C-alpha atoms as a PDB file:
ATOM      1  CA  MET A   1      60.835 123.817  63.493  1.00  0.00           C
ATOM      2  CA  SER A   2      63.377 121.129  64.365  1.00  0.00           C
ATOM      3  CA  GLY A   3      65.299 123.584  66.574  1.00  0.00           C
ATOM      4  CA  PHE A   4      62.133 124.930  68.177  1.00  0.00           C
ATOM      5  CA  HIS A   5      61.740 123.437  71.651  1.00  0.00           C
ATOM      6  CA  PHE A   6      61.065 124.558  75.180  1.00  0.00           C
ATOM      7  CA  PRO A   7      63.328 122.697  77.608  1.00  0.00           C
ATOM      8  CA  ALA A   8      62.416 124.997  80.505  1.00  0.00           C
ATOM      9  CA  ALA A   9      58.717 124.494  79.801  1.00  0.00           C
ATOM     10  CA  MET A  10      59.154 120.708  79.784  1.00  0.00           C
ATOM     11  CA  VAL A  11      61.043 120.829  83.081  1.00  0.00           C
ATOM     12  CA  SER A  12      58.241 122.946  84.525  1.00  0.00           C
ATOM     13  CA  LEU A  13      55.585 120.556  83.214  1.00  0.00           C
ATOM     14  CA  ARG A  14      57.480 117.573  84.676  1.00  0.00           C
ATOM     15  CA  ILE A  15      57.712 119.211  88.094  1.00  0.00           C
ATOM     16  CA  ILE A  16      54.062 120.303  88.054  1.00  0.00           C
ATOM     17  CA  CYS A  17      53.002 116.764  87.087  1.00  0.00           C
ATOM     18  CA  GLY A  18      54.908 115.481  90.105  1.00  0.00           C
ATOM     19  CA  PHE A  19      53.434 118.019  92.497  1.00  0.00           C
ATOM     20  CA  PHE A  20      49.883 117.195  91.425  1.00  0.00           C
ATOM     21  CA  PHE A  21      50.295 113.658  92.781  1.00  0.00           C
ATOM     22  CA  ILE A  22      50.948 114.929  96.317  1.00  0.00           C
ATOM     23  CA  PRO A  23      47.432 116.063  97.329  1.00  0.00           C
ATOM     24  CA  HIS A  24      45.968 112.838  95.989  1.00  0.00           C
ATOM     25  CA  ALA A  25      48.423 110.689  97.917  1.00  0.00           C
ATOM     26  CA  ILE A  26      47.711 112.722 101.067  1.00  0.00           C
ATOM     27  CA  GLY A  27      43.977 112.386 100.450  1.00  0.00           C
ATOM     28  CA  LYS A  28      44.254 108.617 100.282  1.00  0.00           C
ATOM     29  CA  PHE A  29      46.368 108.500 103.448  1.00  0.00           C
ATOM     30  CA  THR A  30      44.012 110.768 105.413  1.00  0.00           C
ATOM     31  CA  ALA A  31      40.694 109.366 104.130  1.00  0.00           C
ATOM     32  CA  LYS A  32      41.487 105.665 103.873  1.00  0.00           C
ATOM     33  CA  ALA A  33      37.882 104.538 104.293  1.00  0.00           C
ATOM     34  CA  ALA A  34      36.785 106.655 101.314  1.00  0.00           C
ATOM     35  CA  ALA A  35      39.754 105.461  99.266  1.00  0.00           C
ATOM     36  CA  PHE A  36      39.017 101.828 100.133  1.00  0.00           C
ATOM     37  CA  GLY A  37      35.361 102.365  99.203  1.00  0.00           C
ATOM     38  CA  PHE A  38      36.294 103.846  95.825  1.00  0.00           C
ATOM     39  CA  PHE A  39      38.686 100.987  95.022  1.00  0.00           C
ATOM     40  CA  GLN A  40      36.012  98.489  96.062  1.00  0.00           C
ATOM     41  CA  ALA A  41      33.397 100.200  93.864  1.00  0.00           C
ATOM     42  CA  ALA A  42      35.831 100.270  90.931  1.00  0.00           C
ATOM     43  CA  GLY A  43      36.302  96.516  91.205  1.00  0.00           C
ATOM     44  CA  PHE A  44      39.832  96.393  92.604  1.00  0.00           C
ATOM     45  CA  ARG A  45      40.078  93.437  94.983  1.00  0.00           C
ATOM     46  CA  PRO A  46      41.295  93.438  97.686  1.00  0.00           C
ATOM     47  CA  ALA A  47      40.537  97.155  97.828  1.00  0.00           C
ATOM     48  CA  PRO A  48      42.875  98.020 100.743  1.00  0.00           C
ATOM     49  CA  LEU A  49      45.844  96.449  98.962  1.00  0.00           C
ATOM     50  CA  PHE A  50      45.186  98.408  95.767  1.00  0.00           C
ATOM     51  CA  ALA A  51      44.655 101.618  97.758  1.00  0.00           C
ATOM     52  CA  TYR A  52      47.985 101.195  99.568  1.00  0.00           C
ATOM     53  CA  VAL A  53      49.767 100.398  96.294  1.00  0.00           C
ATOM     54  CA  ALA A  54      48.199 103.531  94.755  1.00  0.00           C
ATOM     55  CA  MET A  55      49.327 105.631  97.734  1.00  0.00           C
ATOM     56  CA  GLY A  56      52.876 104.342  97.503  1.00  0.00           C
ATOM     57  CA  LEU A  57      52.986 104.664  93.738  1.00  0.00           C
ATOM     58  CA  GLU A  58      51.777 108.268  93.891  1.00  0.00           C
ATOM     59  CA  VAL A  59      54.535 109.138  96.371  1.00  0.00           C
ATOM     60  CA  VAL A  60      57.177 107.417  94.231  1.00  0.00           C
ATOM     61  CA  LEU A  61      55.941 109.013  90.998  1.00  0.00           C
ATOM     62  CA  ALA A  62      55.828 112.456  92.609  1.00  0.00           C
ATOM     63  CA  THR A  63      59.388 112.009  93.853  1.00  0.00           C
ATOM     64  CA  LEU A  64      60.704 110.828  90.484  1.00  0.00           C
ATOM     65  CA  LEU A  65      59.039 113.607  88.528  1.00  0.00           C
ATOM     66  CA  ILE A  66      59.908 116.418  90.927  1.00  0.00           C
ATOM     67  CA  ALA A  67      63.523 115.293  91.390  1.00  0.00           C
ATOM     68  CA  GLY A  68      64.036 114.503  87.711  1.00  0.00           C
ATOM     69  CA  TRP A  69      65.117 110.908  88.296  1.00  0.00           C
ATOM     70  CA  TRP A  70      64.215 108.276  85.660  1.00  0.00           C
ATOM     71  CA  VAL A  71      61.966 110.847  84.024  1.00  0.00           C
ATOM     72  CA  ARG A  72      60.868 108.893  80.944  1.00  0.00           C
ATOM     73  CA  PRO A  73      59.915 105.662  82.711  1.00  0.00           C
ATOM     74  CA  GLY A  74      58.446 107.581  85.657  1.00  0.00           C
ATOM     75  CA  ALA A  75      56.336 109.828  83.444  1.00  0.00           C
ATOM     76  CA  ALA A  76      55.263 106.880  81.277  1.00  0.00           C
ATOM     77  CA  LEU A  77      54.211 104.915  84.372  1.00  0.00           C
ATOM     78  CA  ALA A  78      52.425 108.022  85.669  1.00  0.00           C
ATOM     79  CA  ALA A  79      50.501 108.343  82.396  1.00  0.00           C
ATOM     80  CA  VAL A  80      49.435 104.691  82.482  1.00  0.00           C
ATOM     81  CA  TYR A  81      48.488 105.004  86.156  1.00  0.00           C
ATOM     82  CA  LEU A  82      46.381 108.101  85.453  1.00  0.00           C
ATOM     83  CA  PHE A  83      44.609 106.524  82.472  1.00  0.00           C
ATOM     84  CA  ILE A  84      43.748 103.514  84.669  1.00  0.00           C
ATOM     85  CA  ALA A  85      42.503 105.950  87.326  1.00  0.00           C
ATOM     86  CA  ALA A  86      40.362 107.675  84.694  1.00  0.00           C
ATOM     87  CA  ALA A  87      38.870 104.332  83.643  1.00  0.00           C
ATOM     88  CA  ALA A  88      38.109 103.547  87.294  1.00  0.00           C
ATOM     89  CA  VAL A  89      36.421 106.931  87.740  1.00  0.00           C
ATOM     90  CA  ILE A  90      34.328 106.332  84.619  1.00  0.00           C
ATOM     91  CA  LYS A  91      33.306 102.931  85.954  1.00  0.00           C
ATOM     92  CA  VAL A  92      32.262 104.326  89.337  1.00  0.00           C
ATOM     93  CA  GLU A  93      31.008 107.830  88.555  1.00  0.00           C
ATOM     94  CA  ARG A  94      30.142 107.694  84.830  1.00  0.00           C
ATOM     95  CA  LYS A  95      30.999 111.391  84.476  1.00  0.00           C
ATOM     96  CA  TRP A  96      33.500 113.427  82.460  1.00  0.00           C
ATOM     97  CA  LEU A  97      33.746 116.785  84.276  1.00  0.00           C
ATOM     98  CA  TRP A  98      36.170 116.716  87.191  1.00  0.00           C
ATOM     99  CA  HIS A  99      34.232 119.192  89.356  1.00  0.00           C
ATOM    100  CA  ILE A 100      31.369 116.695  89.555  1.00  0.00           C
ATOM    101  CA  SER A 101      33.613 113.688  90.292  1.00  0.00           C
ATOM    102  CA  GLY A 102      34.400 112.895  86.671  1.00  0.00           C
ATOM    103  CA  CYS A 103      37.471 111.533  84.903  1.00  0.00           C
ATOM    104  CA  GLU A 104      38.558 114.744  83.153  1.00  0.00           C
ATOM    105  CA  TYR A 105      41.265 115.449  85.775  1.00  0.00           C
ATOM    106  CA  PRO A 106      43.202 112.174  85.489  1.00  0.00           C
ATOM    107  CA  VAL A 107      42.837 112.197  81.689  1.00  0.00           C
ATOM    108  CA  PHE A 108      44.336 115.697  81.494  1.00  0.00           C
ATOM    109  CA  TRP A 109      47.255 114.884  83.798  1.00  0.00           C
ATOM    110  CA  GLY A 110      47.770 111.534  82.057  1.00  0.00           C
ATOM    111  CA  ILE A 111      48.179 113.381  78.769  1.00  0.00           C
ATOM    112  CA  CYS A 112      50.596 115.818  80.430  1.00  0.00           C
ATOM    113  CA  CYS A 113      52.651 112.933  81.819  1.00  0.00           C
ATOM    114  CA  ALA A 114      52.642 111.240  78.392  1.00  0.00           C
ATOM    115  CA  ILE A 115      53.985 114.467  76.877  1.00  0.00           C
ATOM    116  CA  VAL A 116      56.752 114.554  79.491  1.00  0.00           C
ATOM    117  CA  ALA A 117      57.567 110.879  78.828  1.00  0.00           C
ATOM    118  CA  THR A 118      57.912 111.425  75.113  1.00  0.00           C
ATOM    119  CA  SER A 119      59.577 114.833  75.145  1.00  0.00           C
ATOM    120  CA  THR A 120      62.447 114.589  77.602  1.00  0.00           C
END
């Protein structure tokens, strides 16, 4: 299976990974008080600084992944970022399922970003 690969599928996965950062960045920009409260509850101090860094990082990661610039480092950073986000969600919510505020969502997208980082 050494010649068996899906370059178009990996490009699609990379772009989708990038696009999934956009609503979360927008959510943090439009609901800053909630974002600050989450970062505070997760133990990030000072919470506003970490929230703004997260907002900026999400915009940068989305741009890199969608545009295809520095894909491996961008996807690797995205995976690490998402696994940290999952740990923060576990600390605050103590739930797995994403539809009840759990960490399943960032874990899934972290794995997807790790696949992009190791496959491109």
